[in-house]
Amino acid sequence: MASESSVTLRVRLTPRGGRDELRLLGDGSLAVRVAAPAVDGRANEALVRTVAKALRIAPSRVVLVRGERSRDKTLRIAGLDGAAVRDLLTG
C-alpha cells in the first residue's frame, strides 16, 4: 500500500479582510484574506475552509500545523503533491 502524499504551505492570513480569497505569491506561499475575525479560532476555521475549497478537497485534509495565534501559518495538505497544489491554485 502506497503512503499518502502531503505538502506543506506557508500562509499569511488577514482576518476581517472583507471576503474570503487567496492568491499564490511568487515564493510559493499563500496570501489569504477571510471575512471572519480572529476570535475563538474563527479566522483559522475560515482559512482551512477557503484553502480546501480552492483545492477541491475536504476541509479535514487541511491541517493547521503551526501559527495558531499568528498571522504567519503553516498548513499541511494531505493527499496532494506540490505540483497538484500549484496547478489548482493557479487555476
N, C-alpha and C. Protein backbone atom coordinates (compact mmCIF):
# COMPACT_ATOMS: atom_id res chain seq x y z
N MET A 1 0.84 -1.18 0.00
CA MET A 1 0.00 0.00 0.00
C MET A 1 0.88 1.24 0.00
N ALA A 2 0.64 2.16 -0.91
CA ALA A 2 1.45 3.37 -1.02
C ALA A 2 1.04 4.37 0.06
N SER A 3 2.02 5.09 0.56
CA SER A 3 1.70 6.11 1.56
C SER A 3 1.10 7.33 0.87
N GLU A 4 0.22 7.99 1.58
CA GLU A 4 -0.45 9.16 1.03
C GLU A 4 0.51 10.35 1.05
N SER A 5 0.56 11.09 -0.04
CA SER A 5 1.44 12.24 -0.11
C SER A 5 0.82 13.43 0.61
N SER A 6 1.68 14.36 0.97
CA SER A 6 1.20 15.60 1.57
C SER A 6 2.21 16.70 1.23
N VAL A 7 1.74 17.92 1.37
CA VAL A 7 2.58 19.08 1.10
C VAL A 7 2.31 20.11 2.19
N THR A 8 3.31 20.92 2.51
CA THR A 8 3.09 22.00 3.47
C THR A 8 3.08 23.32 2.72
N LEU A 9 2.26 24.23 3.20
CA LEU A 9 2.12 25.56 2.62
C LEU A 9 2.35 26.61 3.69
N ARG A 10 3.10 27.63 3.35
CA ARG A 10 3.22 28.80 4.22
C ARG A 10 2.11 29.77 3.84
N VAL A 11 1.48 30.34 4.85
CA VAL A 11 0.32 31.21 4.62
C VAL A 11 0.46 32.48 5.44
N ARG A 12 0.09 33.59 4.83
CA ARG A 12 -0.03 34.87 5.54
C ARG A 12 -1.53 35.18 5.58
N LEU A 13 -2.12 35.14 6.76
CA LEU A 13 -3.57 35.30 6.93
C LEU A 13 -3.92 36.72 7.33
N THR A 14 -4.95 37.25 6.68
CA THR A 14 -5.52 38.55 7.04
C THR A 14 -6.97 38.33 7.45
N PRO A 15 -7.25 38.33 8.76
CA PRO A 15 -8.64 38.21 9.21
C PRO A 15 -9.38 39.51 9.00
N ARG A 16 -10.71 39.44 9.01
CA ARG A 16 -11.57 40.61 8.76
C ARG A 16 -11.18 41.30 7.45
N GLY A 17 -10.90 40.48 6.44
CA GLY A 17 -10.46 41.00 5.15
C GLY A 17 -11.58 41.38 4.21
N GLY A 18 -12.81 41.33 4.68
CA GLY A 18 -13.94 41.71 3.85
C GLY A 18 -14.58 40.54 3.12
N ARG A 19 -13.78 39.68 2.56
CA ARG A 19 -14.30 38.47 1.88
C ARG A 19 -13.21 37.41 1.89
N ASP A 20 -13.60 36.18 1.64
CA ASP A 20 -12.64 35.08 1.62
C ASP A 20 -12.02 34.97 0.23
N GLU A 21 -10.70 35.09 0.17
CA GLU A 21 -9.99 34.93 -1.10
C GLU A 21 -8.54 34.59 -0.83
N LEU A 22 -7.90 34.01 -1.82
CA LEU A 22 -6.49 33.69 -1.67
C LEU A 22 -5.77 33.95 -2.98
N ARG A 23 -4.45 34.16 -2.85
CA ARG A 23 -3.62 34.30 -4.03
C ARG A 23 -2.27 33.68 -3.75
N LEU A 24 -1.73 33.06 -4.75
CA LEU A 24 -0.42 32.42 -4.67
C LEU A 24 0.64 33.49 -4.91
N LEU A 25 1.60 33.55 -4.02
CA LEU A 25 2.68 34.53 -4.15
C LEU A 25 3.85 33.92 -4.90
N GLY A 26 4.75 34.75 -5.38
CA GLY A 26 5.88 34.31 -6.18
C GLY A 26 6.80 33.32 -5.47
N ASP A 27 6.87 33.40 -4.14
CA ASP A 27 7.75 32.50 -3.40
C ASP A 27 7.08 31.16 -3.07
N GLY A 28 5.86 30.94 -3.58
CA GLY A 28 5.15 29.69 -3.33
C GLY A 28 4.25 29.71 -2.12
N SER A 29 4.26 30.79 -1.36
CA SER A 29 3.37 30.88 -0.20
C SER A 29 2.03 31.45 -0.64
N LEU A 30 1.09 31.45 0.28
CA LEU A 30 -0.24 31.97 0.00
C LEU A 30 -0.52 33.21 0.83
N ALA A 31 -1.23 34.15 0.25
CA ALA A 31 -1.80 35.27 0.98
C ALA A 31 -3.31 35.00 1.00
N VAL A 32 -3.87 34.91 2.20
CA VAL A 32 -5.29 34.57 2.33
C VAL A 32 -5.98 35.63 3.16
N ARG A 33 -7.11 36.11 2.63
CA ARG A 33 -7.98 37.02 3.37
C ARG A 33 -9.25 36.27 3.70
N VAL A 34 -9.72 36.44 4.93
CA VAL A 34 -11.01 35.85 5.32
C VAL A 34 -11.85 36.93 5.99
N ALA A 35 -13.14 36.80 5.86
CA ALA A 35 -14.05 37.77 6.47
C ALA A 35 -14.15 37.58 7.98
N ALA A 36 -13.89 36.38 8.45
CA ALA A 36 -14.04 36.05 9.87
C ALA A 36 -13.02 36.80 10.72
N PRO A 37 -13.42 37.17 11.93
CA PRO A 37 -12.48 37.82 12.85
C PRO A 37 -11.56 36.79 13.51
N ALA A 38 -10.45 37.27 14.04
CA ALA A 38 -9.50 36.40 14.74
C ALA A 38 -9.95 36.23 16.19
N VAL A 39 -11.13 35.67 16.36
CA VAL A 39 -11.71 35.47 17.68
C VAL A 39 -12.16 34.02 17.79
N ASP A 40 -11.78 33.35 18.85
CA ASP A 40 -12.20 31.97 19.11
C ASP A 40 -11.88 31.03 17.95
N GLY A 41 -10.81 31.27 17.24
CA GLY A 41 -10.38 30.38 16.16
C GLY A 41 -11.20 30.48 14.88
N ARG A 42 -12.08 31.46 14.80
CA ARG A 42 -12.93 31.56 13.61
C ARG A 42 -12.15 31.88 12.34
N ALA A 43 -11.12 32.71 12.44
CA ALA A 43 -10.31 33.03 11.25
C ALA A 43 -9.55 31.78 10.79
N ASN A 44 -9.05 30.98 11.72
CA ASN A 44 -8.35 29.75 11.34
C ASN A 44 -9.30 28.77 10.66
N GLU A 45 -10.52 28.66 11.18
CA GLU A 45 -11.51 27.78 10.56
C GLU A 45 -11.84 28.25 9.15
N ALA A 46 -11.99 29.56 8.98
CA ALA A 46 -12.28 30.11 7.66
C ALA A 46 -11.10 29.89 6.72
N LEU A 47 -9.89 29.99 7.23
CA LEU A 47 -8.70 29.73 6.43
C LEU A 47 -8.72 28.30 5.89
N VAL A 48 -8.97 27.34 6.76
CA VAL A 48 -9.00 25.94 6.35
C VAL A 48 -10.08 25.71 5.30
N ARG A 49 -11.27 26.26 5.52
CA ARG A 49 -12.36 26.10 4.55
C ARG A 49 -12.02 26.73 3.21
N THR A 50 -11.42 27.93 3.23
CA THR A 50 -11.08 28.64 1.99
C THR A 50 -10.04 27.88 1.19
N VAL A 51 -9.01 27.39 1.86
CA VAL A 51 -7.96 26.63 1.16
C VAL A 51 -8.52 25.32 0.63
N ALA A 52 -9.32 24.63 1.43
CA ALA A 52 -9.90 23.36 0.99
C ALA A 52 -10.79 23.56 -0.24
N LYS A 53 -11.58 24.61 -0.23
CA LYS A 53 -12.46 24.90 -1.37
C LYS A 53 -11.63 25.16 -2.63
N ALA A 54 -10.57 25.95 -2.51
CA ALA A 54 -9.72 26.26 -3.66
C ALA A 54 -9.03 25.02 -4.21
N LEU A 55 -8.70 24.07 -3.32
CA LEU A 55 -8.02 22.84 -3.74
C LEU A 55 -9.00 21.72 -4.07
N ARG A 56 -10.29 21.99 -3.88
CA ARG A 56 -11.34 21.00 -4.16
C ARG A 56 -11.15 19.71 -3.36
N ILE A 57 -10.87 19.88 -2.07
CA ILE A 57 -10.71 18.74 -1.17
C ILE A 57 -11.53 18.99 0.08
N ALA A 58 -11.69 17.98 0.89
CA ALA A 58 -12.42 18.11 2.14
C ALA A 58 -11.60 18.94 3.13
N PRO A 59 -12.26 19.78 3.92
CA PRO A 59 -11.53 20.57 4.92
C PRO A 59 -10.73 19.71 5.90
N SER A 60 -11.15 18.49 6.13
CA SER A 60 -10.42 17.61 7.05
C SER A 60 -9.02 17.25 6.53
N ARG A 61 -8.76 17.48 5.25
CA ARG A 61 -7.44 17.19 4.68
C ARG A 61 -6.49 18.38 4.77
N VAL A 62 -6.98 19.50 5.32
CA VAL A 62 -6.16 20.69 5.53
C VAL A 62 -5.97 20.86 7.03
N VAL A 63 -4.71 20.79 7.48
CA VAL A 63 -4.43 20.84 8.91
C VAL A 63 -3.50 22.01 9.22
N LEU A 64 -3.89 22.81 10.19
CA LEU A 64 -3.04 23.89 10.67
C LEU A 64 -1.99 23.27 11.58
N VAL A 65 -0.73 23.31 11.17
CA VAL A 65 0.34 22.67 11.96
C VAL A 65 1.20 23.67 12.72
N ARG A 66 1.07 24.96 12.37
CA ARG A 66 1.89 25.96 13.04
C ARG A 66 1.27 27.34 12.87
N GLY A 67 1.34 28.15 13.93
CA GLY A 67 0.90 29.53 13.83
C GLY A 67 -0.54 29.78 14.23
N GLU A 68 -1.05 29.00 15.15
CA GLU A 68 -2.45 29.14 15.54
C GLU A 68 -2.81 30.56 15.96
N ARG A 69 -1.90 31.26 16.60
CA ARG A 69 -2.17 32.62 17.09
C ARG A 69 -1.35 33.67 16.35
N SER A 70 -0.85 33.32 15.18
CA SER A 70 -0.01 34.22 14.40
C SER A 70 -0.64 34.48 13.04
N ARG A 71 -0.24 35.55 12.38
CA ARG A 71 -0.70 35.79 11.00
C ARG A 71 0.02 34.88 10.03
N ASP A 72 1.24 34.48 10.38
CA ASP A 72 2.02 33.57 9.54
C ASP A 72 1.78 32.15 10.02
N LYS A 73 1.31 31.30 9.11
CA LYS A 73 0.89 29.96 9.46
C LYS A 73 1.50 28.94 8.52
N THR A 74 1.47 27.69 8.95
CA THR A 74 1.87 26.58 8.10
C THR A 74 0.73 25.58 8.08
N LEU A 75 0.32 25.19 6.87
CA LEU A 75 -0.73 24.20 6.68
C LEU A 75 -0.15 22.94 6.07
N ARG A 76 -0.69 21.79 6.44
CA ARG A 76 -0.35 20.54 5.78
C ARG A 76 -1.57 20.11 4.97
N ILE A 77 -1.33 19.83 3.69
CA ILE A 77 -2.39 19.40 2.79
C ILE A 77 -2.17 17.92 2.50
N ALA A 78 -3.09 17.08 2.93
CA ALA A 78 -2.96 15.63 2.75
C ALA A 78 -3.53 15.20 1.41
N GLY A 79 -2.84 14.29 0.76
CA GLY A 79 -3.36 13.68 -0.46
C GLY A 79 -2.98 14.38 -1.75
N LEU A 80 -2.25 15.48 -1.67
CA LEU A 80 -1.82 16.20 -2.87
C LEU A 80 -0.32 16.44 -2.81
N ASP A 81 0.30 16.53 -3.97
CA ASP A 81 1.72 16.90 -4.00
C ASP A 81 1.83 18.37 -4.38
N GLY A 82 3.04 18.91 -4.32
CA GLY A 82 3.26 20.33 -4.58
C GLY A 82 2.79 20.78 -5.94
N ALA A 83 3.03 19.96 -6.98
CA ALA A 83 2.63 20.34 -8.34
C ALA A 83 1.11 20.42 -8.45
N ALA A 84 0.40 19.48 -7.85
CA ALA A 84 -1.06 19.49 -7.89
C ALA A 84 -1.62 20.72 -7.18
N VAL A 85 -1.03 21.06 -6.05
CA VAL A 85 -1.48 22.23 -5.29
C VAL A 85 -1.27 23.49 -6.13
N ARG A 86 -0.09 23.65 -6.72
CA ARG A 86 0.20 24.81 -7.57
C ARG A 86 -0.78 24.91 -8.74
N ASP A 87 -1.03 23.77 -9.40
CA ASP A 87 -1.96 23.77 -10.53
C ASP A 87 -3.36 24.20 -10.12
N LEU A 88 -3.84 23.69 -8.99
CA LEU A 88 -5.18 24.04 -8.54
C LEU A 88 -5.29 25.50 -8.10
N LEU A 89 -4.23 26.02 -7.50
CA LEU A 89 -4.26 27.40 -7.02
C LEU A 89 -4.09 28.42 -8.14
N THR A 90 -3.44 28.03 -9.21
CA THR A 90 -3.25 28.97 -10.32
C THR A 90 -4.36 28.88 -11.34
N GLY A 91 -5.25 27.92 -11.15
CA GLY A 91 -6.46 27.82 -11.98
C GLY A 91 -6.23 27.18 -13.28
